[in-house]
């Protein structure tokens, strides 16, 4: 797992849900059902106010990674990549 900070990414959203992502010069196609990060905070006594997604993306070489992105100050930021 890699923790990242300040890495801007460019997601393509379809009906508000990630469909593709451009990161580190590569395009990844979303290959699972994205999970809103808000759902992952359900049940916490002090839920975090955020907009974000966790999803798997696969590049054209067949390499898959799990991404977590959040919306901060109007830009999407990559916060985690699971290799």
N, C-alpha and C. Protein backbone atom coordinates (compact mmCIF):
# COMPACT_ATOMS: atom_id res chain seq x y z
N UNK A 1 0.84 -1.18 0.00
CA UNK A 1 0.00 0.00 0.00
C UNK A 1 0.88 1.23 0.00
N UNK A 2 0.49 2.21 -0.77
CA UNK A 2 1.21 3.48 -0.82
C UNK A 2 0.30 4.59 -0.33
N UNK A 3 0.78 5.41 0.60
CA UNK A 3 0.05 6.59 1.02
C UNK A 3 0.62 7.77 0.26
N UNK A 4 -0.25 8.56 -0.31
CA UNK A 4 0.17 9.67 -1.14
C UNK A 4 -0.44 10.96 -0.62
N UNK A 5 0.13 12.06 -0.98
CA UNK A 5 -0.43 13.35 -0.61
C UNK A 5 -0.13 14.35 -1.71
N UNK A 6 -1.14 15.08 -2.11
CA UNK A 6 -0.94 16.14 -3.09
C UNK A 6 -0.84 15.68 -4.53
N UNK A 7 -1.18 14.44 -4.82
CA UNK A 7 -1.14 13.93 -6.18
C UNK A 7 -2.47 14.18 -6.87
N UNK A 8 -2.49 15.15 -7.75
CA UNK A 8 -3.70 15.44 -8.49
C UNK A 8 -3.91 14.36 -9.55
N UNK A 9 -5.14 13.90 -9.67
CA UNK A 9 -5.50 12.91 -10.68
C UNK A 9 -6.67 13.46 -11.49
N UNK A 10 -6.86 12.88 -12.64
CA UNK A 10 -7.96 13.30 -13.50
C UNK A 10 -8.89 12.11 -13.70
N UNK A 11 -10.00 12.07 -12.95
CA UNK A 11 -10.96 11.00 -13.18
C UNK A 11 -11.99 11.41 -14.22
N UNK A 12 -12.47 10.45 -14.99
CA UNK A 12 -13.61 10.66 -15.87
C UNK A 12 -14.80 10.08 -15.13
N UNK A 13 -15.76 10.93 -14.81
CA UNK A 13 -16.94 10.49 -14.09
C UNK A 13 -18.10 10.30 -15.06
N UNK A 14 -18.84 9.24 -14.88
CA UNK A 14 -20.05 8.99 -15.66
C UNK A 14 -21.19 8.93 -14.65
N UNK A 15 -22.12 9.86 -14.77
CA UNK A 15 -23.23 9.99 -13.80
C UNK A 15 -22.69 10.14 -12.38
N UNK A 16 -21.55 10.85 -12.24
CA UNK A 16 -20.96 11.13 -10.94
C UNK A 16 -20.10 10.02 -10.36
N UNK A 17 -19.93 8.93 -11.10
CA UNK A 17 -19.17 7.77 -10.62
C UNK A 17 -17.92 7.59 -11.50
N UNK A 18 -16.75 7.31 -10.88
CA UNK A 18 -15.54 7.12 -11.67
C UNK A 18 -15.68 6.01 -12.71
N UNK A 19 -15.21 6.29 -13.93
CA UNK A 19 -15.23 5.33 -15.02
C UNK A 19 -13.81 5.06 -15.53
N UNK A 20 -12.98 6.11 -15.52
CA UNK A 20 -11.58 6.03 -15.91
C UNK A 20 -10.79 7.01 -15.04
N UNK A 21 -9.48 6.80 -15.00
CA UNK A 21 -8.63 7.72 -14.26
C UNK A 21 -7.29 7.84 -14.99
N UNK A 22 -6.77 9.04 -15.04
CA UNK A 22 -5.44 9.28 -15.59
C UNK A 22 -4.53 9.58 -14.41
N UNK A 23 -3.50 8.75 -14.25
CA UNK A 23 -2.56 8.91 -13.14
C UNK A 23 -1.17 8.49 -13.58
N UNK A 24 -0.21 9.31 -13.28
CA UNK A 24 1.20 9.01 -13.54
C UNK A 24 1.44 8.64 -15.01
N UNK A 25 0.75 9.36 -15.90
CA UNK A 25 0.94 9.16 -17.32
C UNK A 25 0.24 7.95 -17.90
N UNK A 26 -0.55 7.24 -17.10
CA UNK A 26 -1.27 6.05 -17.59
C UNK A 26 -2.76 6.22 -17.38
N UNK A 27 -3.52 5.62 -18.30
CA UNK A 27 -4.96 5.62 -18.18
C UNK A 27 -5.41 4.27 -17.64
N UNK A 28 -6.25 4.31 -16.63
CA UNK A 28 -6.80 3.12 -16.01
C UNK A 28 -8.31 3.12 -16.22
N UNK A 29 -8.84 1.96 -16.58
CA UNK A 29 -10.28 1.79 -16.71
C UNK A 29 -10.77 1.18 -15.41
N UNK A 30 -11.85 1.72 -14.87
CA UNK A 30 -12.42 1.20 -13.62
C UNK A 30 -13.00 -0.18 -13.92
N UNK A 31 -12.54 -1.19 -13.17
CA UNK A 31 -12.91 -2.57 -13.44
C UNK A 31 -13.65 -3.23 -12.27
N UNK A 32 -14.26 -2.42 -11.42
CA UNK A 32 -15.13 -2.95 -10.38
C UNK A 32 -16.21 -1.89 -10.12
N UNK A 33 -17.01 -2.10 -9.11
CA UNK A 33 -18.02 -1.11 -8.75
C UNK A 33 -17.42 -0.17 -7.71
N UNK A 34 -17.24 1.11 -8.06
CA UNK A 34 -16.64 2.06 -7.11
C UNK A 34 -17.48 2.18 -5.83
N UNK A 35 -16.78 2.33 -4.72
CA UNK A 35 -17.42 2.50 -3.42
C UNK A 35 -17.21 3.92 -2.95
N UNK A 36 -18.30 4.64 -2.63
CA UNK A 36 -18.11 5.98 -2.07
C UNK A 36 -17.40 5.89 -0.72
N UNK A 37 -16.38 6.70 -0.51
CA UNK A 37 -15.65 6.66 0.76
C UNK A 37 -16.56 7.02 1.93
N UNK A 38 -17.61 7.78 1.67
CA UNK A 38 -18.55 8.14 2.72
C UNK A 38 -19.16 6.89 3.35
N UNK A 39 -19.38 5.84 2.53
CA UNK A 39 -19.95 4.60 3.05
C UNK A 39 -19.00 3.89 3.99
N UNK A 40 -17.70 4.08 3.80
CA UNK A 40 -16.71 3.42 4.64
C UNK A 40 -16.63 4.04 6.02
N UNK A 41 -17.23 5.24 6.20
CA UNK A 41 -17.22 5.89 7.51
C UNK A 41 -18.52 5.65 8.28
N UNK A 42 -19.44 4.87 7.71
CA UNK A 42 -20.72 4.60 8.36
C UNK A 42 -20.50 3.94 9.71
N UNK A 43 -21.20 4.42 10.70
CA UNK A 43 -21.10 3.85 12.04
C UNK A 43 -20.08 4.52 12.93
N UNK A 44 -19.26 5.41 12.38
CA UNK A 44 -18.31 6.14 13.21
C UNK A 44 -19.08 7.15 14.06
N UNK A 45 -18.62 7.40 15.26
CA UNK A 45 -19.29 8.38 16.11
C UNK A 45 -19.10 9.80 15.60
N UNK A 46 -18.01 10.04 14.88
CA UNK A 46 -17.74 11.35 14.29
C UNK A 46 -17.35 11.15 12.82
N UNK A 47 -18.38 10.93 11.96
CA UNK A 47 -18.07 10.67 10.54
C UNK A 47 -17.27 11.82 9.91
N UNK A 48 -16.43 11.47 8.97
CA UNK A 48 -15.61 12.44 8.27
C UNK A 48 -16.42 13.02 7.12
N UNK A 49 -16.40 14.34 6.99
CA UNK A 49 -17.09 15.00 5.90
C UNK A 49 -16.18 15.03 4.68
N UNK A 50 -16.44 14.14 3.72
CA UNK A 50 -15.59 14.09 2.54
C UNK A 50 -16.39 13.55 1.36
N UNK A 51 -15.85 13.81 0.18
CA UNK A 51 -16.38 13.23 -1.05
C UNK A 51 -15.23 12.47 -1.69
N UNK A 52 -15.42 11.18 -1.89
CA UNK A 52 -14.35 10.39 -2.46
C UNK A 52 -14.80 9.01 -2.89
N UNK A 53 -13.89 8.30 -3.52
CA UNK A 53 -14.19 6.97 -4.06
C UNK A 53 -13.03 6.02 -3.85
N UNK A 54 -13.34 4.73 -3.72
CA UNK A 54 -12.36 3.64 -3.76
C UNK A 54 -12.79 2.73 -4.91
N UNK A 55 -11.82 2.40 -5.77
CA UNK A 55 -12.15 1.54 -6.91
C UNK A 55 -10.88 0.90 -7.46
N UNK A 56 -11.08 -0.17 -8.22
CA UNK A 56 -9.98 -0.83 -8.91
C UNK A 56 -9.89 -0.28 -10.32
N UNK A 57 -8.66 0.00 -10.76
CA UNK A 57 -8.43 0.42 -12.13
C UNK A 57 -7.39 -0.49 -12.76
N UNK A 58 -7.58 -0.77 -14.06
CA UNK A 58 -6.66 -1.64 -14.78
C UNK A 58 -6.14 -0.90 -16.00
N UNK A 59 -4.81 -0.92 -16.20
CA UNK A 59 -4.22 -0.23 -17.35
C UNK A 59 -4.23 -1.15 -18.57
N UNK A 60 -3.76 -0.65 -19.70
CA UNK A 60 -3.82 -1.43 -20.95
C UNK A 60 -2.90 -2.63 -20.94
N UNK A 61 -1.92 -2.66 -20.01
CA UNK A 61 -1.03 -3.82 -19.88
C UNK A 61 -1.60 -4.89 -18.96
N UNK A 62 -2.80 -4.64 -18.41
CA UNK A 62 -3.44 -5.61 -17.52
C UNK A 62 -3.05 -5.47 -16.07
N UNK A 63 -2.31 -4.41 -15.72
CA UNK A 63 -1.91 -4.19 -14.34
C UNK A 63 -3.06 -3.49 -13.61
N UNK A 64 -3.48 -4.09 -12.49
CA UNK A 64 -4.59 -3.53 -11.71
C UNK A 64 -4.08 -2.95 -10.41
N UNK A 65 -4.70 -1.84 -10.02
CA UNK A 65 -4.39 -1.19 -8.75
C UNK A 65 -5.70 -0.74 -8.13
N UNK A 66 -5.69 -0.61 -6.81
CA UNK A 66 -6.84 -0.06 -6.09
C UNK A 66 -6.51 1.40 -5.78
N UNK A 67 -7.43 2.29 -6.11
CA UNK A 67 -7.25 3.73 -5.91
C UNK A 67 -8.24 4.27 -4.90
N UNK A 68 -7.81 5.25 -4.14
CA UNK A 68 -8.70 6.06 -3.31
C UNK A 68 -8.47 7.51 -3.71
N UNK A 69 -9.55 8.18 -4.11
CA UNK A 69 -9.45 9.59 -4.49
C UNK A 69 -10.45 10.39 -3.68
N UNK A 70 -10.10 11.65 -3.38
CA UNK A 70 -11.00 12.55 -2.67
C UNK A 70 -11.03 13.89 -3.39
N UNK A 71 -12.15 14.57 -3.23
CA UNK A 71 -12.32 15.90 -3.81
C UNK A 71 -11.93 16.92 -2.75
N UNK A 72 -10.89 17.72 -3.05
CA UNK A 72 -10.42 18.75 -2.12
C UNK A 72 -10.28 20.06 -2.88
N UNK A 73 -10.95 21.07 -2.40
CA UNK A 73 -10.86 22.41 -2.99
C UNK A 73 -11.09 22.39 -4.50
N UNK A 74 -12.05 21.59 -4.94
CA UNK A 74 -12.43 21.56 -6.34
C UNK A 74 -11.58 20.69 -7.24
N UNK A 75 -10.56 20.02 -6.69
CA UNK A 75 -9.70 19.13 -7.49
C UNK A 75 -9.70 17.74 -6.88
N UNK A 76 -9.59 16.74 -7.74
CA UNK A 76 -9.48 15.37 -7.26
C UNK A 76 -8.03 15.08 -6.89
N UNK A 77 -7.87 14.44 -5.74
CA UNK A 77 -6.54 14.12 -5.24
C UNK A 77 -6.46 12.64 -4.92
N UNK A 78 -5.37 12.03 -5.33
CA UNK A 78 -5.12 10.62 -5.03
C UNK A 78 -4.53 10.54 -3.62
N UNK A 79 -5.16 9.77 -2.76
CA UNK A 79 -4.66 9.65 -1.38
C UNK A 79 -4.05 8.29 -1.08
N UNK A 80 -4.47 7.27 -1.84
CA UNK A 80 -3.89 5.93 -1.64
C UNK A 80 -3.92 5.15 -2.94
N UNK A 81 -2.89 4.33 -3.13
CA UNK A 81 -2.85 3.36 -4.21
C UNK A 81 -2.42 2.05 -3.59
N UNK A 82 -3.17 1.00 -3.84
CA UNK A 82 -2.81 -0.34 -3.39
C UNK A 82 -2.30 -1.10 -4.59
N UNK A 83 -1.03 -1.52 -4.54
CA UNK A 83 -0.44 -2.26 -5.66
C UNK A 83 -0.75 -3.74 -5.56
